[in-house]
Amino acid sequence: MSGKLAGRYAAVTGGARGIGRAIAERFAAEGARVCIADVSEAAGAATAAAIGPAVHSFCLDVTSAASIAAFTAATEARGGLDILVNNAAVFEMAPFLEITEASYDRVFAINVKGLLFTLQAIARQMVKLGRRGAIINLASQAGRRGEALVGVYCASKAAVISLTQSAGLGLIRQGIRVNGIAPGVVDTAMWTEVDALFAHYEHRPIGEKKRLVGEAVPYGRMGRPEDLAGAAVFLASDDAEYVVAQTLNVDGGNWMS
């Protein structure tokens, strides 16, 4: 099969839906074999089956060291990864004085610790196999700034941007390129949950916050999952050979850096 990623093997964490699924679909269309690595075994399997025969699934819990080790072993048994997309993440919201330790622990366990140690395990695999690989971390425009109601999530995504820089510098001499993507507001199932939280804390009707943030994007609408897929293909491909430790904003003009 031809395509920018022909002959390569990629994994997308949190790949069963939303941005992760859109990236997996595009990677497959560009000729890659793809592993949908998702905490939901059923959803991951369904997504893999829907995309096609070059795609398989693995039940991965990024908060579990044992699960990450099993995922690493399973992908190595299939020849070893050329591309990893760290997309698995959760979102929580609360006024600053109401942030709980449990909420902090959950968000950082998945968005930061899980990302870091999945990245480390696959980078070790790439070094072991002599693989020149690409690792892409999904950050957020929320990691570029603070938000009054979203302190823990913003902090977690700022950490992703920082880890992307450090890992990029730490791994490039081993032939591994680490970069990130910072989406803006993207119309996924998660945003339905986000909208409901804003409705609660800002005393808005359901749907109003989603409408307002979409109208405020310079492009004129919220992003769609597929809007992120092209950037992921670019960063995974040879076209980005000299791009190292960067986080690319893909947000319709919301943030300039």
Protein backbone atom coordinates (compact mmCIF):
# COMPACT_ATOMS: atom_id res chain seq x y z
CA MET A 1 0.00 0.00 0.00
CA SER A 2 1.25 3.52 -0.82
CA GLY A 3 1.01 6.55 1.40
CA LYS A 4 3.17 8.74 3.63
CA LEU A 5 3.23 6.05 6.34
CA ALA A 6 3.41 2.93 4.18
CA GLY A 7 5.10 0.02 5.89
CA ARG A 8 5.07 1.61 9.33
CA TYR A 9 3.44 0.39 12.51
CA ALA A 10 1.69 2.96 14.69
CA ALA A 11 -0.21 2.93 17.98
CA VAL A 12 -2.73 5.51 19.15
CA THR A 13 -3.63 5.57 22.83
CA GLY A 14 -7.21 6.53 23.52
CA GLY A 15 -7.79 5.64 19.89
CA ALA A 16 -11.32 4.29 20.10
CA ARG A 17 -13.08 7.62 19.61
CA GLY A 18 -12.71 11.32 18.92
CA ILE A 19 -9.32 12.71 17.92
CA GLY A 20 -7.59 9.38 18.50
CA ARG A 21 -9.93 7.57 16.16
CA ALA A 22 -9.57 10.23 13.45
CA ILE A 23 -5.78 9.94 13.63
CA ALA A 24 -5.95 6.12 13.49
CA GLU A 25 -8.23 6.27 10.44
CA ARG A 26 -5.90 8.67 8.64
CA PHE A 27 -2.79 6.67 9.54
CA ALA A 28 -4.41 3.54 8.08
CA ALA A 29 -5.37 5.46 4.94
CA GLU A 30 -1.71 6.53 4.63
CA GLY A 31 -0.59 2.89 4.61
CA ALA A 32 0.29 2.24 8.27
CA ARG A 33 -0.62 -0.76 10.37
CA VAL A 34 -2.34 0.65 13.44
CA CYS A 35 -2.92 -0.47 17.01
CA ILE A 36 -5.92 1.11 18.74
CA ALA A 37 -4.73 1.14 22.36
CA ASP A 38 -7.71 2.03 24.53
CA VAL A 39 -8.85 1.41 28.10
CA SER A 40 -12.19 0.18 26.72
CA GLU A 41 -11.55 -3.23 25.21
CA ALA A 42 -14.95 -3.35 23.47
CA ALA A 43 -14.71 0.16 22.00
CA GLY A 44 -11.16 -0.40 20.84
CA ALA A 45 -12.05 -3.65 19.11
CA ALA A 46 -15.11 -2.09 17.46
CA THR A 47 -13.10 0.85 16.14
CA ALA A 48 -10.35 -1.41 14.82
CA ALA A 49 -12.88 -3.60 13.02
CA ALA A 50 -14.60 -0.55 11.54
CA ILE A 51 -11.39 0.94 10.13
CA GLY A 52 -10.14 -2.19 8.44
CA PRO A 53 -7.90 -5.27 8.42
CA ALA A 54 -4.66 -3.33 8.91
CA VAL A 55 -5.90 -2.20 12.33
CA HIS A 56 -6.02 -4.16 15.57
CA SER A 57 -6.73 -3.24 19.19
CA PHE A 58 -5.12 -3.63 22.60
CA CYS A 59 -6.71 -2.94 25.98
CA LEU A 60 -4.31 -0.42 27.54
CA ASP A 61 -4.68 1.30 30.90
CA VAL A 62 -1.98 3.97 30.96
CA THR A 63 -2.25 4.27 34.76
CA SER A 64 -0.96 0.69 35.14
CA ALA A 65 2.74 -0.10 34.76
CA ALA A 66 1.84 -3.74 34.10
CA SER A 67 -0.56 -2.74 31.34
CA ILE A 68 2.05 -0.49 29.70
CA ALA A 69 4.58 -3.34 29.87
CA ALA A 70 2.10 -5.75 28.27
CA PHE A 71 1.31 -3.21 25.53
CA THR A 72 5.02 -2.73 24.84
CA ALA A 73 5.59 -6.48 24.63
CA ALA A 74 2.57 -6.98 22.36
CA THR A 75 3.67 -4.30 19.90
CA GLU A 76 7.25 -5.60 19.93
CA ALA A 77 5.94 -9.07 19.07
CA ARG A 78 4.38 -7.51 15.97
CA GLY A 79 7.70 -6.03 14.89
CA GLY A 80 7.93 -2.94 17.09
CA LEU A 81 6.39 0.49 16.75
CA ASP A 82 7.58 3.17 14.37
CA ILE A 83 5.03 5.71 15.62
CA LEU A 84 3.34 6.34 18.96
CA VAL A 85 0.53 8.85 19.47
CA ASN A 86 -0.06 9.61 23.15
CA ASN A 87 -3.68 10.73 23.00
CA ALA A 88 -5.35 9.15 26.06
CA ALA A 89 -6.57 11.86 28.44
CA VAL A 90 -9.37 12.91 30.77
CA PHE A 91 -10.92 16.28 31.58
CA GLU A 92 -12.21 17.60 34.89
CA MET A 93 -13.39 21.03 35.99
CA ALA A 94 -13.98 22.83 39.27
CA PRO A 95 -13.64 26.30 40.80
CA PHE A 96 -10.14 26.67 42.22
CA LEU A 97 -11.27 26.50 45.85
CA GLU A 98 -13.14 23.26 45.12
CA ILE A 99 -10.32 21.28 43.46
CA THR A 100 -9.95 17.92 45.18
CA GLU A 101 -6.93 15.72 45.64
CA ALA A 102 -8.82 12.86 43.99
CA SER A 103 -9.46 14.95 40.88
CA TYR A 104 -5.82 16.06 40.71
CA ASP A 105 -4.58 12.49 41.13
CA ARG A 106 -6.88 11.16 38.39
CA VAL A 107 -6.05 13.84 35.82
CA PHE A 108 -2.29 13.72 36.38
CA ALA A 109 -2.23 9.90 36.53
CA ILE A 110 -3.64 9.68 33.01
CA ASN A 111 -2.66 12.93 31.28
CA VAL A 112 0.91 13.20 32.60
CA LYS A 113 2.20 10.09 34.36
CA GLY A 114 0.52 7.70 31.92
CA LEU A 115 1.78 9.66 28.93
CA LEU A 116 5.32 9.87 30.30
CA PHE A 117 5.75 6.20 31.08
CA THR A 118 4.04 5.01 27.89
CA LEU A 119 6.40 7.29 25.96
CA GLN A 120 9.39 5.99 27.91
CA ALA A 121 8.49 2.32 27.40
CA ILE A 122 8.03 2.70 23.65
CA ALA A 123 11.15 4.87 23.32
CA ARG A 124 13.12 2.10 25.03
CA GLN A 125 11.62 -0.37 22.58
CA MET A 126 12.63 1.83 19.64
CA VAL A 127 16.20 2.15 20.94
CA LYS A 128 16.40 -1.61 21.55
CA LEU A 129 15.26 -2.35 18.00
CA GLY A 130 17.37 0.38 16.41
CA ARG A 131 14.21 2.07 15.17
CA ARG A 132 14.12 5.70 14.08
CA GLY A 133 10.69 6.51 15.43
CA ALA A 134 8.24 9.35 15.88
CA ILE A 135 6.30 10.04 19.08
CA ILE A 136 3.44 12.55 19.11
CA ASN A 137 1.91 13.84 22.34
CA LEU A 138 -1.56 15.40 22.37
CA ALA A 139 -1.43 18.57 24.45
CA SER A 140 -4.07 21.34 24.30
CA GLN A 141 -4.43 25.07 23.97
CA ALA A 142 -5.32 24.75 27.67
CA GLY A 143 -1.64 23.99 28.27
CA ARG A 144 -0.71 27.42 26.90
CA ARG A 145 -2.65 29.37 29.54
CA GLY A 146 -4.56 29.09 32.79
CA GLU A 147 -8.34 29.01 33.04
CA ALA A 148 -10.27 29.82 36.22
CA LEU A 149 -12.38 26.65 36.18
CA VAL A 150 -9.89 24.29 34.57
CA GLY A 151 -6.77 24.62 36.72
CA VAL A 152 -5.79 20.97 37.01
CA TYR A 153 -6.45 20.11 33.35
CA CYS A 154 -4.54 23.20 32.17
CA ALA A 155 -1.62 22.27 34.41
CA SER A 156 -1.62 18.70 33.09
CA LYS A 157 -1.47 19.86 29.48
CA ALA A 158 1.25 22.40 30.27
CA ALA A 159 3.19 19.45 31.67
CA VAL A 160 2.64 17.57 28.40
CA ILE A 161 4.14 20.47 26.45
CA SER A 162 7.13 20.57 28.81
CA LEU A 163 7.64 16.80 28.67
CA THR A 164 7.48 16.96 24.88
CA GLN A 165 10.33 19.46 24.90
CA SER A 166 12.44 17.44 27.34
CA ALA A 167 11.80 14.10 25.64
CA GLY A 168 12.44 15.65 22.24
CA LEU A 169 15.85 16.89 23.37
CA GLY A 170 16.61 13.70 25.27
CA LEU A 171 15.81 11.26 22.48
CA ILE A 172 16.73 12.90 19.18
CA ARG A 173 20.31 11.59 19.29
CA GLN A 174 18.80 8.09 19.47
CA GLY A 175 16.92 8.87 16.26
CA ILE A 176 13.53 9.36 17.94
CA ARG A 177 11.60 12.53 17.15
CA VAL A 178 9.19 13.67 19.87
CA ASN A 179 6.70 16.42 19.08
CA GLY A 180 3.24 17.46 20.15
CA ILE A 181 -0.06 18.81 18.88
CA ALA A 182 -2.10 21.37 20.81
CA PRO A 183 -5.73 21.23 19.65
CA GLY A 184 -8.12 24.04 20.36
CA VAL A 185 -11.80 23.39 21.04
CA VAL A 186 -12.76 20.21 19.18
CA ASP A 187 -16.29 18.94 18.70
CA THR A 188 -16.08 15.47 20.25
CA ALA A 189 -18.16 13.52 22.74
CA MET A 190 -15.89 14.93 25.46
CA TRP A 191 -17.05 18.45 24.65
CA THR A 192 -20.64 17.47 25.43
CA GLU A 193 -19.41 16.67 28.95
CA VAL A 194 -17.38 19.89 29.08
CA ASP A 195 -20.40 21.92 27.99
CA ALA A 196 -22.50 20.36 30.75
CA LEU A 197 -19.86 21.29 33.34
CA PHE A 198 -19.73 24.89 32.12
CA ALA A 199 -23.53 24.97 32.21
CA HIS A 200 -23.37 23.95 35.87
CA TYR A 201 -20.60 26.26 37.03
CA GLU A 202 -21.45 29.29 34.86
CA HIS A 203 -25.24 28.86 35.14
CA ARG A 204 -25.73 28.60 31.40
CA PRO A 205 -28.25 26.65 29.29
CA ILE A 206 -26.93 23.38 27.91
CA GLY A 207 -25.26 24.02 24.57
CA GLU A 208 -24.63 27.74 25.04
CA LYS A 209 -20.95 27.47 26.03
CA LYS A 210 -20.23 25.15 23.14
CA ARG A 211 -21.87 27.59 20.73
CA LEU A 212 -20.00 30.57 22.14
CA VAL A 213 -16.55 28.98 22.06
CA GLY A 214 -17.14 27.83 18.49
CA GLU A 215 -18.14 31.33 17.40
CA ALA A 216 -15.06 32.79 19.11
CA VAL A 217 -12.59 30.69 17.07
CA PRO A 218 -11.02 32.94 14.40
CA TYR A 219 -11.67 30.24 11.78
CA GLY A 220 -15.37 30.50 12.62
CA ARG A 221 -16.16 27.08 14.06
CA MET A 222 -15.00 24.45 16.52
CA GLY A 223 -12.45 21.99 15.27
CA ARG A 224 -13.41 18.52 14.12
CA PRO A 225 -11.38 15.40 14.97
CA GLU A 226 -10.29 15.04 11.37
CA ASP A 227 -8.77 18.55 11.48
CA LEU A 228 -6.03 17.12 13.71
CA ALA A 229 -5.22 14.10 11.56
CA GLY A 230 -3.18 15.89 8.91
CA ALA A 231 -0.86 17.40 11.51
CA ALA A 232 -0.37 13.96 13.05
CA VAL A 233 0.50 12.45 9.66
CA PHE A 234 2.99 15.26 9.03
CA LEU A 235 4.73 14.82 12.40
CA ALA A 236 4.83 11.04 11.97
CA SER A 237 6.22 11.19 8.44
CA ASP A 238 9.62 11.88 6.91
CA ASP A 239 8.36 15.38 6.02
CA ALA A 240 8.94 16.30 9.69
CA GLU A 241 12.44 14.79 9.91
CA TYR A 242 13.94 18.06 11.18
CA VAL A 243 11.07 18.96 13.52
CA VAL A 244 12.10 18.21 17.11
CA ALA A 245 10.55 19.02 20.53
CA GLN A 246 7.83 21.25 19.07
CA THR A 247 4.14 21.46 19.95
CA LEU A 248 2.10 22.48 16.91
CA ASN A 249 -1.04 24.54 17.50
CA VAL A 250 -3.97 23.21 15.46
CA ASP A 251 -6.77 25.38 16.75
CA GLY A 252 -8.27 27.55 14.02
CA GLY A 253 -6.19 30.57 15.09
CA ASN A 254 -7.03 30.59 18.81
CA TRP A 255 -3.41 30.72 19.96
CA MET A 256 -0.32 32.10 18.30
CA SER A 257 3.17 31.17 19.43
